[in-house]
Amino acid sequence: MYIFKNALKSIARSKGRNILIGIIVLVISVAACIGLSIRNAAEDARGATMEGISITAQISIDRSAMMSDIRENMQPNSEGERSSFDRDSFTQNMNAIKELTIEEMETYVEWIL
């Protein structure tokens, strides 16, 4: 009982200091609550966005790069000049391209994610 009487007397003696400490504790606790609620709302928004998002991709051939490779790899003719564009070799190169398998596509997906 003696401890409680002294504690109450100490509180009553220095009212200004105790009010200031009370205000500081209140501000810190309100700031902590606001910070936690903002963090919780951000995590909820992120989760909702990730559930609603759908990722699509398209894999295609760069035909202009293939054409430039064919032009670079053309054999020079007897005069030392490169021969003109060969449509047949381009068609053969385009027909030689194989489609991607499901396993290759899954590999690309794992690499992207």
PDB file of N, CA and C in Angstrom:
ATOM      1  N   MET A   1       0.819  -1.186   0.000  1.00  0.00           N
ATOM      2  CA  MET A   1       0.000   0.000   0.000  1.00  0.00           C
ATOM      3  C   MET A   1       0.869   1.259   0.000  1.00  0.00           C
ATOM      4  N   TYR A   2       1.982   1.182   0.727  1.00  0.00           N
ATOM      5  CA  TYR A   2       2.893   2.318   0.804  1.00  0.00           C
ATOM      6  C   TYR A   2       3.406   2.711  -0.586  1.00  0.00           C
ATOM      7  N   ILE A   3       3.680   1.708  -1.453  1.00  0.00           N
ATOM      8  CA  ILE A   3       4.204   1.968  -2.798  1.00  0.00           C
ATOM      9  C   ILE A   3       3.156   2.709  -3.625  1.00  0.00           C
ATOM     10  N   PHE A   4       1.904   2.278  -3.517  1.00  0.00           N
ATOM     11  CA  PHE A   4       0.852   2.934  -4.298  1.00  0.00           C
ATOM     12  C   PHE A   4       0.614   4.372  -3.846  1.00  0.00           C
ATOM     13  N   LYS A   5       0.696   4.640  -2.539  1.00  0.00           N
ATOM     14  CA  LYS A   5       0.524   6.014  -2.049  1.00  0.00           C
ATOM     15  C   LYS A   5       1.628   6.912  -2.588  1.00  0.00           C
ATOM     16  N   ASN A   6       2.868   6.438  -2.537  1.00  0.00           N
ATOM     17  CA  ASN A   6       3.984   7.229  -3.056  1.00  0.00           C
ATOM     18  C   ASN A   6       3.867   7.438  -4.562  1.00  0.00           C
ATOM     19  N   ALA A   7       3.389   6.423  -5.316  1.00  0.00           N
ATOM     20  CA  ALA A   7       3.223   6.551  -6.768  1.00  0.00           C
ATOM     21  C   ALA A   7       2.170   7.607  -7.076  1.00  0.00           C
ATOM     22  N   LEU A   8       1.067   7.606  -6.380  1.00  0.00           N
ATOM     23  CA  LEU A   8       0.019   8.614  -6.603  1.00  0.00           C
ATOM     24  C   LEU A   8       0.497  10.011  -6.224  1.00  0.00           C
ATOM     25  N   LYS A   9       1.254  10.142  -5.144  1.00  0.00           N
ATOM     26  CA  LYS A   9       1.794  11.448  -4.758  1.00  0.00           C
ATOM     27  C   LYS A   9       2.773  11.951  -5.821  1.00  0.00           C
ATOM     28  N   SER A  10       3.610  11.048  -6.379  1.00  0.00           N
ATOM     29  CA  SER A  10       4.566  11.436  -7.406  1.00  0.00           C
ATOM     30  C   SER A  10       3.842  11.907  -8.667  1.00  0.00           C
ATOM     31  N   ILE A  11       2.773  11.216  -9.014  1.00  0.00           N
ATOM     32  CA  ILE A  11       1.994  11.623 -10.192  1.00  0.00           C
ATOM     33  C   ILE A  11       1.349  12.983  -9.956  1.00  0.00           C
ATOM     34  N   ALA A  12       0.819  13.202  -8.773  1.00  0.00           N
ATOM     35  CA  ALA A  12       0.140  14.468  -8.469  1.00  0.00           C
ATOM     36  C   ALA A  12       1.129  15.626  -8.392  1.00  0.00           C
ATOM     37  N   ARG A  13       2.361  15.386  -7.951  1.00  0.00           N
ATOM     38  CA  ARG A  13       3.344  16.444  -7.816  1.00  0.00           C
ATOM     39  C   ARG A  13       3.839  16.975  -9.153  1.00  0.00           C
ATOM     40  N   SER A  14       4.061  16.120 -10.131  1.00  0.00           N
ATOM     41  CA  SER A  14       4.621  16.563 -11.406  1.00  0.00           C
ATOM     42  C   SER A  14       3.608  16.296 -12.530  1.00  0.00           C
ATOM     43  N   LYS A  15       2.535  17.084 -12.517  1.00  0.00           N
ATOM     44  CA  LYS A  15       1.454  16.887 -13.479  1.00  0.00           C
ATOM     45  C   LYS A  15       1.902  17.200 -14.902  1.00  0.00           C
ATOM     46  N   GLY A  16       2.661  18.264 -15.074  1.00  0.00           N
ATOM     47  CA  GLY A  16       3.097  18.673 -16.416  1.00  0.00           C
ATOM     48  C   GLY A  16       3.959  17.619 -17.095  1.00  0.00           C
ATOM     49  N   ARG A  17       4.892  17.083 -16.325  1.00  0.00           N
ATOM     50  CA  ARG A  17       5.771  16.058 -16.889  1.00  0.00           C
ATOM     51  C   ARG A  17       4.983  14.796 -17.237  1.00  0.00           C
ATOM     52  N   ASN A  18       4.070  14.395 -16.396  1.00  0.00           N
ATOM     53  CA  ASN A  18       3.284  13.190 -16.645  1.00  0.00           C
ATOM     54  C   ASN A  18       2.331  13.370 -17.829  1.00  0.00           C
ATOM     55  N   ILE A  19       1.768  14.547 -17.974  1.00  0.00           N
ATOM     56  CA  ILE A  19       0.903  14.812 -19.129  1.00  0.00           C
ATOM     57  C   ILE A  19       1.728  14.749 -20.408  1.00  0.00           C
ATOM     58  N   LEU A  20       2.919  15.346 -20.378  1.00  0.00           N
ATOM     59  CA  LEU A  20       3.797  15.300 -21.547  1.00  0.00           C
ATOM     60  C   LEU A  20       4.189  13.855 -21.893  1.00  0.00           C
ATOM     61  N   ILE A  21       4.534  13.056 -20.920  1.00  0.00           N
ATOM     62  CA  ILE A  21       4.871  11.643 -21.155  1.00  0.00           C
ATOM     63  C   ILE A  21       3.656  10.899 -21.699  1.00  0.00           C
ATOM     64  N   GLY A  22       2.496  11.180 -21.172  1.00  0.00           N
ATOM     65  CA  GLY A  22       1.261  10.545 -21.654  1.00  0.00           C
ATOM     66  C   GLY A  22       0.982  10.891 -23.112  1.00  0.00           C
ATOM     67  N   ILE A  23       1.185  12.160 -23.477  1.00  0.00           N
ATOM     68  CA  ILE A  23       0.982  12.576 -24.873  1.00  0.00           C
ATOM     69  C   ILE A  23       1.973  11.861 -25.786  1.00  0.00           C
ATOM     70  N   ILE A  24       3.235  11.757 -25.367  1.00  0.00           N
ATOM     71  CA  ILE A  24       4.253  11.086 -26.179  1.00  0.00           C
ATOM     72  C   ILE A  24       3.901   9.610 -26.369  1.00  0.00           C
ATOM     73  N   VAL A  25       3.494   8.942 -25.301  1.00  0.00           N
ATOM     74  CA  VAL A  25       3.108   7.527 -25.398  1.00  0.00           C
ATOM     75  C   VAL A  25       1.902   7.366 -26.326  1.00  0.00           C
ATOM     76  N   LEU A  26       0.937   8.272 -26.239  1.00  0.00           N
ATOM     77  CA  LEU A  26      -0.248   8.219 -27.094  1.00  0.00           C
ATOM     78  C   LEU A  26       0.136   8.399 -28.563  1.00  0.00           C
ATOM     79  N   VAL A  27       1.003   9.368 -28.856  1.00  0.00           N
ATOM     80  CA  VAL A  27       1.423   9.611 -30.241  1.00  0.00           C
ATOM     81  C   VAL A  27       2.174   8.396 -30.804  1.00  0.00           C
ATOM     82  N   ILE A  28       3.051   7.815 -30.013  1.00  0.00           N
ATOM     83  CA  ILE A  28       3.801   6.643 -30.478  1.00  0.00           C
ATOM     84  C   ILE A  28       2.869   5.471 -30.736  1.00  0.00           C
ATOM     85  N   SER A  29       1.923   5.230 -29.857  1.00  0.00           N
ATOM     86  CA  SER A  29       1.015   4.102 -30.050  1.00  0.00           C
ATOM     87  C   SER A  29       0.087   4.322 -31.244  1.00  0.00           C
ATOM     88  N   VAL A  30      -0.385   5.554 -31.467  1.00  0.00           N
ATOM     89  CA  VAL A  30      -1.218   5.840 -32.631  1.00  0.00           C
ATOM     90  C   VAL A  30      -0.406   5.672 -33.918  1.00  0.00           C
ATOM     91  N   ALA A  31       0.832   6.140 -33.932  1.00  0.00           N
ATOM     92  CA  ALA A  31       1.683   5.993 -35.114  1.00  0.00           C
ATOM     93  C   ALA A  31       1.955   4.521 -35.415  1.00  0.00           C
ATOM     94  N   ALA A  32       2.174   3.721 -34.383  1.00  0.00           N
ATOM     95  CA  ALA A  32       2.400   2.286 -34.592  1.00  0.00           C
ATOM     96  C   ALA A  32       1.153   1.616 -35.156  1.00  0.00           C
ATOM     97  N   CYS A  33      -0.010   1.971 -34.648  1.00  0.00           N
ATOM     98  CA  CYS A  33      -1.261   1.393 -35.163  1.00  0.00           C
ATOM     99  C   CYS A  33      -1.491   1.786 -36.619  1.00  0.00           C
ATOM    100  N   ILE A  34      -1.234   3.040 -36.955  1.00  0.00           N
ATOM    101  CA  ILE A  34      -1.407   3.501 -38.338  1.00  0.00           C
ATOM    102  C   ILE A  34      -0.420   2.777 -39.261  1.00  0.00           C
ATOM    103  N   GLY A  35       0.812   2.646 -38.837  1.00  0.00           N
ATOM    104  CA  GLY A  35       1.811   1.946 -39.654  1.00  0.00           C
ATOM    105  C   GLY A  35       1.445   0.493 -39.893  1.00  0.00           C
ATOM    106  N   LEU A  36       0.980  -0.186 -38.858  1.00  0.00           N
ATOM    107  CA  LEU A  36       0.579  -1.585 -39.022  1.00  0.00           C
ATOM    108  C   LEU A  36      -0.647  -1.723 -39.922  1.00  0.00           C
ATOM    109  N   SER A  37      -1.589  -0.791 -39.808  1.00  0.00           N
ATOM    110  CA  SER A  37      -2.774  -0.876 -40.672  1.00  0.00           C
ATOM    111  C   SER A  37      -2.417  -0.589 -42.130  1.00  0.00           C
ATOM    112  N   ILE A  38      -1.493   0.335 -42.382  1.00  0.00           N
ATOM    113  CA  ILE A  38      -1.050   0.600 -43.759  1.00  0.00           C
ATOM    114  C   ILE A  38      -0.343  -0.627 -44.323  1.00  0.00           C
ATOM    115  N   ARG A  39       0.499  -1.253 -43.532  1.00  0.00           N
ATOM    116  CA  ARG A  39       1.204  -2.457 -43.996  1.00  0.00           C
ATOM    117  C   ARG A  39       0.228  -3.575 -44.306  1.00  0.00           C
ATOM    118  N   ASN A  40      -0.758  -3.772 -43.450  1.00  0.00           N
ATOM    119  CA  ASN A  40      -1.757  -4.811 -43.660  1.00  0.00           C
ATOM    120  C   ASN A  40      -2.575  -4.535 -44.925  1.00  0.00           C
ATOM    121  N   ALA A  41      -2.956  -3.284 -45.139  1.00  0.00           N
ATOM    122  CA  ALA A  41      -3.725  -2.928 -46.332  1.00  0.00           C
ATOM    123  C   ALA A  41      -2.899  -3.128 -47.597  1.00  0.00           C
ATOM    124  N   ALA A  42      -1.608  -2.816 -47.533  1.00  0.00           N
ATOM    125  CA  ALA A  42      -0.739  -3.011 -48.698  1.00  0.00           C
ATOM    126  C   ALA A  42      -0.592  -4.493 -49.031  1.00  0.00           C
ATOM    127  N   GLU A  43      -0.455  -5.334 -48.018  1.00  0.00           N
ATOM    128  CA  GLU A  43      -0.351  -6.775 -48.264  1.00  0.00           C
ATOM    129  C   GLU A  43      -1.647  -7.324 -48.841  1.00  0.00           C
ATOM    130  N   ASP A  44      -2.793  -6.850 -48.351  1.00  0.00           N
ATOM    131  CA  ASP A  44      -4.080  -7.281 -48.896  1.00  0.00           C
ATOM    132  C   ASP A  44      -4.238  -6.849 -50.348  1.00  0.00           C
ATOM    133  N   ALA A  45      -3.850  -5.614 -50.653  1.00  0.00           N
ATOM    134  CA  ALA A  45      -3.954  -5.116 -52.030  1.00  0.00           C
ATOM    135  C   ALA A  45      -3.023  -5.887 -52.953  1.00  0.00           C
ATOM    136  N   ARG A  46      -1.831  -6.200 -52.482  1.00  0.00           N
ATOM    137  CA  ARG A  46      -0.892  -6.976 -53.301  1.00  0.00           C
ATOM    138  C   ARG A  46      -1.448  -8.360 -53.582  1.00  0.00           C
ATOM    139  N   GLY A  47      -1.999  -9.002 -52.567  1.00  0.00           N
ATOM    140  CA  GLY A  47      -2.580 -10.336 -52.748  1.00  0.00           C
ATOM    141  C   GLY A  47      -3.745 -10.325 -53.718  1.00  0.00           C
ATOM    142  N   ALA A  48      -4.614  -9.323 -53.599  1.00  0.00           N
ATOM    143  CA  ALA A  48      -5.755  -9.222 -54.514  1.00  0.00           C
ATOM    144  C   ALA A  48      -5.299  -8.964 -55.939  1.00  0.00           C
ATOM    145  N   THR A  49      -4.268  -8.151 -56.103  1.00  0.00           N
ATOM    146  CA  THR A  49      -3.748  -7.860 -57.438  1.00  0.00           C
ATOM    147  C   THR A  49      -3.112  -9.100 -58.046  1.00  0.00           C
ATOM    148  N   MET A  50      -2.344  -9.842 -57.262  1.00  0.00           N
ATOM    149  CA  MET A  50      -1.693 -11.044 -57.780  1.00  0.00           C
ATOM    150  C   MET A  50      -2.714 -12.112 -58.160  1.00  0.00           C
ATOM    151  N   GLU A  51      -3.835 -12.185 -57.443  1.00  0.00           N
ATOM    152  CA  GLU A  51      -4.870 -13.158 -57.788  1.00  0.00           C
ATOM    153  C   GLU A  51      -5.571 -12.768 -59.087  1.00  0.00           C
ATOM    154  N   GLY A  52      -5.736 -11.479 -59.322  1.00  0.00           N
ATOM    155  CA  GLY A  52      -6.475 -11.018 -60.485  1.00  0.00           C
ATOM    156  C   GLY A  52      -5.643 -10.836 -61.736  1.00  0.00           C
ATOM    157  N   ILE A  53      -4.343 -11.008 -61.626  1.00  0.00           N
ATOM    158  CA  ILE A  53      -3.479 -10.747 -62.781  1.00  0.00           C
ATOM    159  C   ILE A  53      -3.290 -12.031 -63.580  1.00  0.00           C
ATOM    160  N   SER A  54      -3.243 -11.885 -64.865  1.00  0.00           N
ATOM    161  CA  SER A  54      -2.943 -13.041 -65.722  1.00  0.00           C
ATOM    162  C   SER A  54      -1.776 -12.653 -66.625  1.00  0.00           C
ATOM    163  N   ILE A  55      -0.792 -13.514 -66.659  1.00  0.00           N
ATOM    164  CA  ILE A  55       0.417 -13.238 -67.419  1.00  0.00           C
ATOM    165  C   ILE A  55       0.338 -14.007 -68.738  1.00  0.00           C
ATOM    166  N   THR A  56       0.513 -13.284 -69.818  1.00  0.00           N
ATOM    167  CA  THR A  56       0.540 -13.921 -71.128  1.00  0.00           C
ATOM    168  C   THR A  56       1.852 -13.565 -71.811  1.00  0.00           C
ATOM    169  N   ALA A  57       2.276 -14.437 -72.673  1.00  0.00           N
ATOM    170  CA  ALA A  57       3.516 -14.202 -73.403  1.00  0.00           C
ATOM    171  C   ALA A  57       3.369 -14.752 -74.811  1.00  0.00           C
ATOM    172  N   GLN A  58       4.179 -14.230 -75.692  1.00  0.00           N
ATOM    173  CA  GLN A  58       4.176 -14.696 -77.074  1.00  0.00           C
ATOM    174  C   GLN A  58       5.619 -14.893 -77.499  1.00  0.00           C
ATOM    175  N   ILE A  59       5.878 -16.059 -78.046  1.00  0.00           N
ATOM    176  CA  ILE A  59       7.214 -16.367 -78.547  1.00  0.00           C
ATOM    177  C   ILE A  59       7.121 -16.368 -80.060  1.00  0.00           C
ATOM    178  N   SER A  60       7.955 -15.550 -80.693  1.00  0.00           N
ATOM    179  CA  SER A  60       7.901 -15.471 -82.154  1.00  0.00           C
ATOM    180  C   SER A  60       9.322 -15.437 -82.713  1.00  0.00           C
ATOM    181  N   ILE A  61       9.394 -15.583 -84.017  1.00  0.00           N
ATOM    182  CA  ILE A  61      10.678 -15.614 -84.718  1.00  0.00           C
ATOM    183  C   ILE A  61      10.982 -14.212 -85.225  1.00  0.00           C
ATOM    184  N   ASP A  62      12.229 -13.820 -85.072  1.00  0.00           N
ATOM    185  CA  ASP A  62      12.664 -12.532 -85.602  1.00  0.00           C
ATOM    186  C   ASP A  62      13.111 -12.746 -87.047  1.00  0.00           C
ATOM    187  N   ARG A  63      12.195 -12.532 -87.964  1.00  0.00           N
ATOM    188  CA  ARG A  63      12.476 -12.815 -89.377  1.00  0.00           C
ATOM    189  C   ARG A  63      13.515 -11.849 -89.951  1.00  0.00           C
ATOM    190  N   SER A  64      13.504 -10.623 -89.513  1.00  0.00           N
ATOM    191  CA  SER A  64      14.490  -9.672 -90.034  1.00  0.00           C
ATOM    192  C   SER A  64      15.906 -10.075 -89.620  1.00  0.00           C
ATOM    193  N   ALA A  65      16.067 -10.603 -88.403  1.00  0.00           N
ATOM    194  CA  ALA A  65      17.378 -11.078 -87.974  1.00  0.00           C
ATOM    195  C   ALA A  65      17.798 -12.290 -88.795  1.00  0.00           C
ATOM    196  N   MET A  66      16.843 -13.162 -89.112  1.00  0.00           N
ATOM    197  CA  MET A  66      17.174 -14.316 -89.952  1.00  0.00           C
ATOM    198  C   MET A  66      17.615 -13.867 -91.336  1.00  0.00           C
ATOM    199  N   MET A  67      16.923 -12.880 -91.898  1.00  0.00           N
ATOM    200  CA  MET A  67      17.289 -12.396 -93.224  1.00  0.00           C
ATOM    201  C   MET A  67      18.680 -11.774 -93.210  1.00  0.00           C
ATOM    202  N   SER A  68      18.981 -11.006 -92.182  1.00  0.00           N
ATOM    203  CA  SER A  68      20.315 -10.398 -92.108  1.00  0.00           C
ATOM    204  C   SER A  68      21.392 -11.471 -91.932  1.00  0.00           C
ATOM    205  N   ASP A  69      21.093 -12.538 -91.162  1.00  0.00           N
ATOM    206  CA  ASP A  69      22.054 -13.645 -91.027  1.00  0.00           C
ATOM    207  C   ASP A  69      22.285 -14.332 -92.364  1.00  0.00           C
ATOM    208  N   ILE A  70      21.215 -14.520 -93.127  1.00  0.00           N
ATOM    209  CA  ILE A  70      21.359 -15.163 -94.436  1.00  0.00           C
ATOM    210  C   ILE A  70      22.200 -14.283 -95.351  1.00  0.00           C
ATOM    211  N   ARG A  71      21.961 -12.995 -95.322  1.00  0.00           N
ATOM    212  CA  ARG A  71      22.737 -12.072 -96.163  1.00  0.00           C
ATOM    213  C   ARG A  71      24.212 -12.089 -95.772  1.00  0.00           C
ATOM    214  N   GLU A  72      24.495 -12.141 -94.470  1.00  0.00           N
ATOM    215  CA  GLU A  72      25.885 -12.154 -94.013  1.00  0.00           C
ATOM    216  C   GLU A  72      26.588 -13.451 -94.383  1.00  0.00           C
ATOM    217  N   ASN A  73      25.840 -14.546 -94.408  1.00  0.00           N
ATOM    218  CA  ASN A  73      26.444 -15.851 -94.668  1.00  0.00           C
ATOM    219  C   ASN A  73      26.415 -16.241 -96.153  1.00  0.00           C
ATOM    220  N   MET A  74      26.027 -15.326 -97.021  1.00  0.00           N
ATOM    221  CA  MET A  74      26.009 -15.638 -98.449  1.00  0.00           C
ATOM    222  C   MET A  74      27.422 -15.832 -98.962  1.00  0.00           C
ATOM    223  N   GLN A  75      27.553 -16.789 -99.828  1.00  0.00           N
ATOM    224  CA  GLN A  75      28.857 -17.092-100.404  1.00  0.00           C
ATOM    225  C   GLN A  75      29.177 -16.089-101.514  1.00  0.00           C
ATOM    226  N   PRO A  76      30.406 -15.614-101.582  1.00  0.00           N
ATOM    227  CA  PRO A  76      30.757 -14.701-102.669  1.00  0.00           C
ATOM    228  C   PRO A  76      30.823 -15.450-104.003  1.00  0.00           C
ATOM    229  N   ASN A  77      30.444 -14.727-105.075  1.00  0.00           N
ATOM    230  CA  ASN A  77      30.516 -15.358-106.404  1.00  0.00           C
ATOM    231  C   ASN A  77      31.932 -15.238-106.953  1.00  0.00           C
ATOM    232  N   SER A  78      32.122 -15.563-108.225  1.00  0.00           N
ATOM    233  CA  SER A  78      33.466 -15.607-108.818  1.00  0.00           C
ATOM    234  C   SER A  78      34.138 -14.243-108.861  1.00  0.00           C
ATOM    235  N   GLU A  79      33.358 -13.135-108.933  1.00  0.00           N
ATOM    236  CA  GLU A  79      33.962 -11.799-108.966  1.00  0.00           C
ATOM    237  C   GLU A  79      34.295 -11.277-107.562  1.00  0.00           C
ATOM    238  N   GLY A  80      33.980 -12.024-106.541  1.00  0.00           N
ATOM    239  CA  GLY A  80      34.268 -11.585-105.176  1.00  0.00           C
ATOM    240  C   GLY A  80      33.113 -10.835-104.543  1.00  0.00           C
ATOM    241  N   GLU A  81      32.021 -10.625-105.288  1.00  0.00           N
ATOM    242  CA  GLU A  81      30.858  -9.949-104.726  1.00  0.00           C
ATOM    243  C   GLU A  81      29.919 -10.990-104.137  1.00  0.00           C
ATOM    244  N   ARG A  82      29.176 -10.557-103.190  1.00  0.00           N
ATOM    245  CA  ARG A  82      28.202 -11.477-102.609  1.00  0.00           C
ATOM    246  C   ARG A  82      27.024 -11.611-103.562  1.00  0.00           C
ATOM    247  N   SER A  83      26.496 -12.808-103.617  1.00  0.00           N
ATOM    248  CA  SER A  83      25.365 -13.038-104.514  1.00  0.00           C
ATOM    249  C   SER A  83      24.113 -12.383-103.941  1.00  0.00           C
ATOM    250  N   SER A  84      23.102 -12.237-104.770  1.00  0.00           N
ATOM    251  CA  SER A  84      21.871 -11.596-104.331  1.00  0.00           C
ATOM    252  C   SER A  84      21.106 -12.539-103.400  1.00  0.00           C
ATOM    253  N   PHE A  85      20.058 -12.031-102.823  1.00  0.00           N
ATOM    254  CA  PHE A  85      19.252 -12.773-101.856  1.00  0.00           C
ATOM    255  C   PHE A  85      18.661 -14.014-102.512  1.00  0.00           C
ATOM    256  N   ASP A  86      18.836 -15.139-101.867  1.00  0.00           N
ATOM    257  CA  ASP A  86      18.340 -16.397-102.405  1.00  0.00           C
ATOM    258  C   ASP A  86      17.042 -16.759-101.691  1.00  0.00           C
ATOM    259  N   ARG A  87      15.952 -16.676-102.402  1.00  0.00           N
ATOM    260  CA  ARG A  87      14.638 -16.929-101.831  1.00  0.00           C
ATOM    261  C   ARG A  87      14.502 -18.393-101.410  1.00  0.00           C
ATOM    262  N   ASP A  88      15.074 -19.298-102.170  1.00  0.00           N
ATOM    263  CA  ASP A  88      14.957 -20.718-101.844  1.00  0.00           C
ATOM    264  C   ASP A  88      15.641 -21.052-100.517  1.00  0.00           C
ATOM    265  N   SER A  89      16.827 -20.481-100.300  1.00  0.00           N
ATOM    266  CA  SER A  89      17.521 -20.765 -99.034  1.00  0.00           C
ATOM    267  C   SER A  89      16.756 -20.154 -97.855  1.00  0.00           C
ATOM    268  N   PHE A  90      16.150 -19.003 -98.088  1.00  0.00           N
ATOM    269  CA  PHE A  90      15.355 -18.398 -97.020  1.00  0.00           C
ATOM    270  C   PHE A  90      14.148 -19.272 -96.706  1.00  0.00           C
ATOM    271  N   THR A  91      13.487 -19.780 -97.729  1.00  0.00           N
ATOM    272  CA  THR A  91      12.333 -20.658 -97.527  1.00  0.00           C
ATOM    273  C   THR A  91      12.755 -21.935 -96.807  1.00  0.00           C
ATOM    274  N   GLN A  92      13.893 -22.491 -97.171  1.00  0.00           N
ATOM    275  CA  GLN A  92      14.383 -23.696 -96.498  1.00  0.00           C
ATOM    276  C   GLN A  92      14.679 -23.410 -95.025  1.00  0.00           C
ATOM    277  N   ASN A  93      15.279 -22.256 -94.756  1.00  0.00           N
ATOM    278  CA  ASN A  93      15.572 -21.888 -93.355  1.00  0.00           C
ATOM    279  C   ASN A  93      14.285 -21.708 -92.557  1.00  0.00           C
ATOM    280  N   MET A  94      13.286 -21.106 -93.178  1.00  0.00           N
ATOM    281  CA  MET A  94      12.019 -20.897 -92.479  1.00  0.00           C
ATOM    282  C   MET A  94      11.316 -22.230 -92.229  1.00  0.00           C
ATOM    283  N   ASN A  95      11.394 -23.149 -93.172  1.00  0.00           N
ATOM    284  CA  ASN A  95      10.765 -24.452 -93.001  1.00  0.00           C
ATOM    285  C   ASN A  95      11.527 -25.324 -92.013  1.00  0.00           C
ATOM    286  N   ALA A  96      12.807 -25.048 -91.818  1.00  0.00           N
ATOM    287  CA  ALA A  96      13.623 -25.841 -90.895  1.00  0.00           C
ATOM    288  C   ALA A  96      13.363 -25.481 -89.439  1.00  0.00           C
ATOM    289  N   ILE A  97      12.676 -24.389 -89.219  1.00  0.00           N
ATOM    290  CA  ILE A  97      12.405 -23.964 -87.839  1.00  0.00           C
ATOM    291  C   ILE A  97      11.380 -24.910 -87.235  1.00  0.00           C
ATOM    292  N   LYS A  98      11.716 -25.457 -86.094  1.00  0.00           N
ATOM    293  CA  LYS A  98      10.789 -26.363 -85.426  1.00  0.00           C
ATOM    294  C   LYS A  98      10.003 -25.586 -84.374  1.00  0.00           C
ATOM    295  N   GLU A  99       8.834 -26.087 -84.049  1.00  0.00           N
ATOM    296  CA  GLU A  99       8.010 -25.464 -83.024  1.00  0.00           C
ATOM    297  C   GLU A  99       8.550 -25.840 -81.650  1.00  0.00           C
ATOM    298  N   LEU A 100       8.273 -24.996 -80.687  1.00  0.00           N
ATOM    299  CA  LEU A 100       8.720 -25.269 -79.331  1.00  0.00           C
ATOM    300  C   LEU A 100       7.873 -26.372 -78.714  1.00  0.00           C
ATOM    301  N   THR A 101       8.514 -27.218 -77.941  1.00  0.00           N
ATOM    302  CA  THR A 101       7.785 -28.255 -77.228  1.00  0.00           C
ATOM    303  C   THR A 101       7.227 -27.671 -75.930  1.00  0.00           C
ATOM    304  N   ILE A 102       6.325 -28.397 -75.318  1.00  0.00           N
ATOM    305  CA  ILE A 102       5.742 -27.954 -74.047  1.00  0.00           C
ATOM    306  C   ILE A 102       6.825 -27.826 -72.986  1.00  0.00           C
ATOM    307  N   GLU A 103       7.789 -28.741 -72.977  1.00  0.00           N
ATOM    308  CA  GLU A 103       8.861 -28.689 -71.985  1.00  0.00           C
ATOM    309  C   GLU A 103       9.709 -27.424 -72.161  1.00  0.00           C
ATOM    310  N   GLU A 104       9.984 -27.062 -73.421  1.00  0.00           N
ATOM    311  CA  GLU A 104      10.760 -25.850 -73.667  1.00  0.00           C
ATOM    312  C   GLU A 104       9.990 -24.606 -73.228  1.00  0.00           C
ATOM    313  N   MET A 105       8.690 -24.604 -73.492  1.00  0.00           N
ATOM    314  CA  MET A 105       7.871 -23.467 -73.056  1.00  0.00           C
ATOM    315  C   MET A 105       7.840 -23.371 -71.543  1.00  0.00           C
ATOM    316  N   GLU A 106       7.730 -24.488 -70.855  1.00  0.00           N
ATOM    317  CA  GLU A 106       7.741 -24.484 -69.387  1.00  0.00           C
ATOM    318  C   GLU A 106       9.082 -23.992 -68.863  1.00  0.00           C
ATOM    319  N   THR A 107      10.160 -24.337 -69.565  1.00  0.00           N
ATOM    320  CA  THR A 107      11.478 -23.854 -69.169  1.00  0.00           C
ATOM    321  C   THR A 107      11.546 -22.338 -69.266  1.00  0.00           C
ATOM    322  N   TYR A 108      11.004 -21.790 -70.362  1.00  0.00           N
ATOM    323  CA  TYR A 108      10.983 -20.337 -70.517  1.00  0.00           C
ATOM    324  C   TYR A 108      10.129 -19.676 -69.449  1.00  0.00           C
ATOM    325  N   VAL A 109       9.010 -20.293 -69.095  1.00  0.00           N
ATOM    326  CA  VAL A 109       8.151 -19.733 -68.051  1.00  0.00           C
ATOM    327  C   VAL A 109       8.871 -19.707 -66.726  1.00  0.00           C
ATOM    328  N   GLU A 110       9.564 -20.775 -66.385  1.00  0.00           N
ATOM    329  CA  GLU A 110      10.318 -20.823 -65.123  1.00  0.00           C
ATOM    330  C   GLU A 110      11.419 -19.784 -65.113  1.00  0.00           C
ATOM    331  N   TRP A 111      12.050 -19.572 -66.276  1.00  0.00           N
ATOM    332  CA  TRP A 111      13.124 -18.580 -66.364  1.00  0.00           C
ATOM    333  C   TRP A 111      12.576 -17.172 -66.168  1.00  0.00           C
ATOM    334  N   ILE A 112      11.393 -16.900 -66.711  1.00  0.00           N
ATOM    335  CA  ILE A 112      10.808 -15.560 -66.616  1.00  0.00           C
ATOM    336  C   ILE A 112      10.330 -15.297 -65.187  1.00  0.00           C
ATOM    337  N   LEU A 113       9.691 -16.268 -64.588  1.00  0.00           N
ATOM    338  CA  LEU A 113       9.150 -16.069 -63.242  1.00  0.00           C
ATOM    339  C   LEU A 113      10.243 -16.251 -62.235  1.00  0.00           C
TER     340      LEU A 113
END
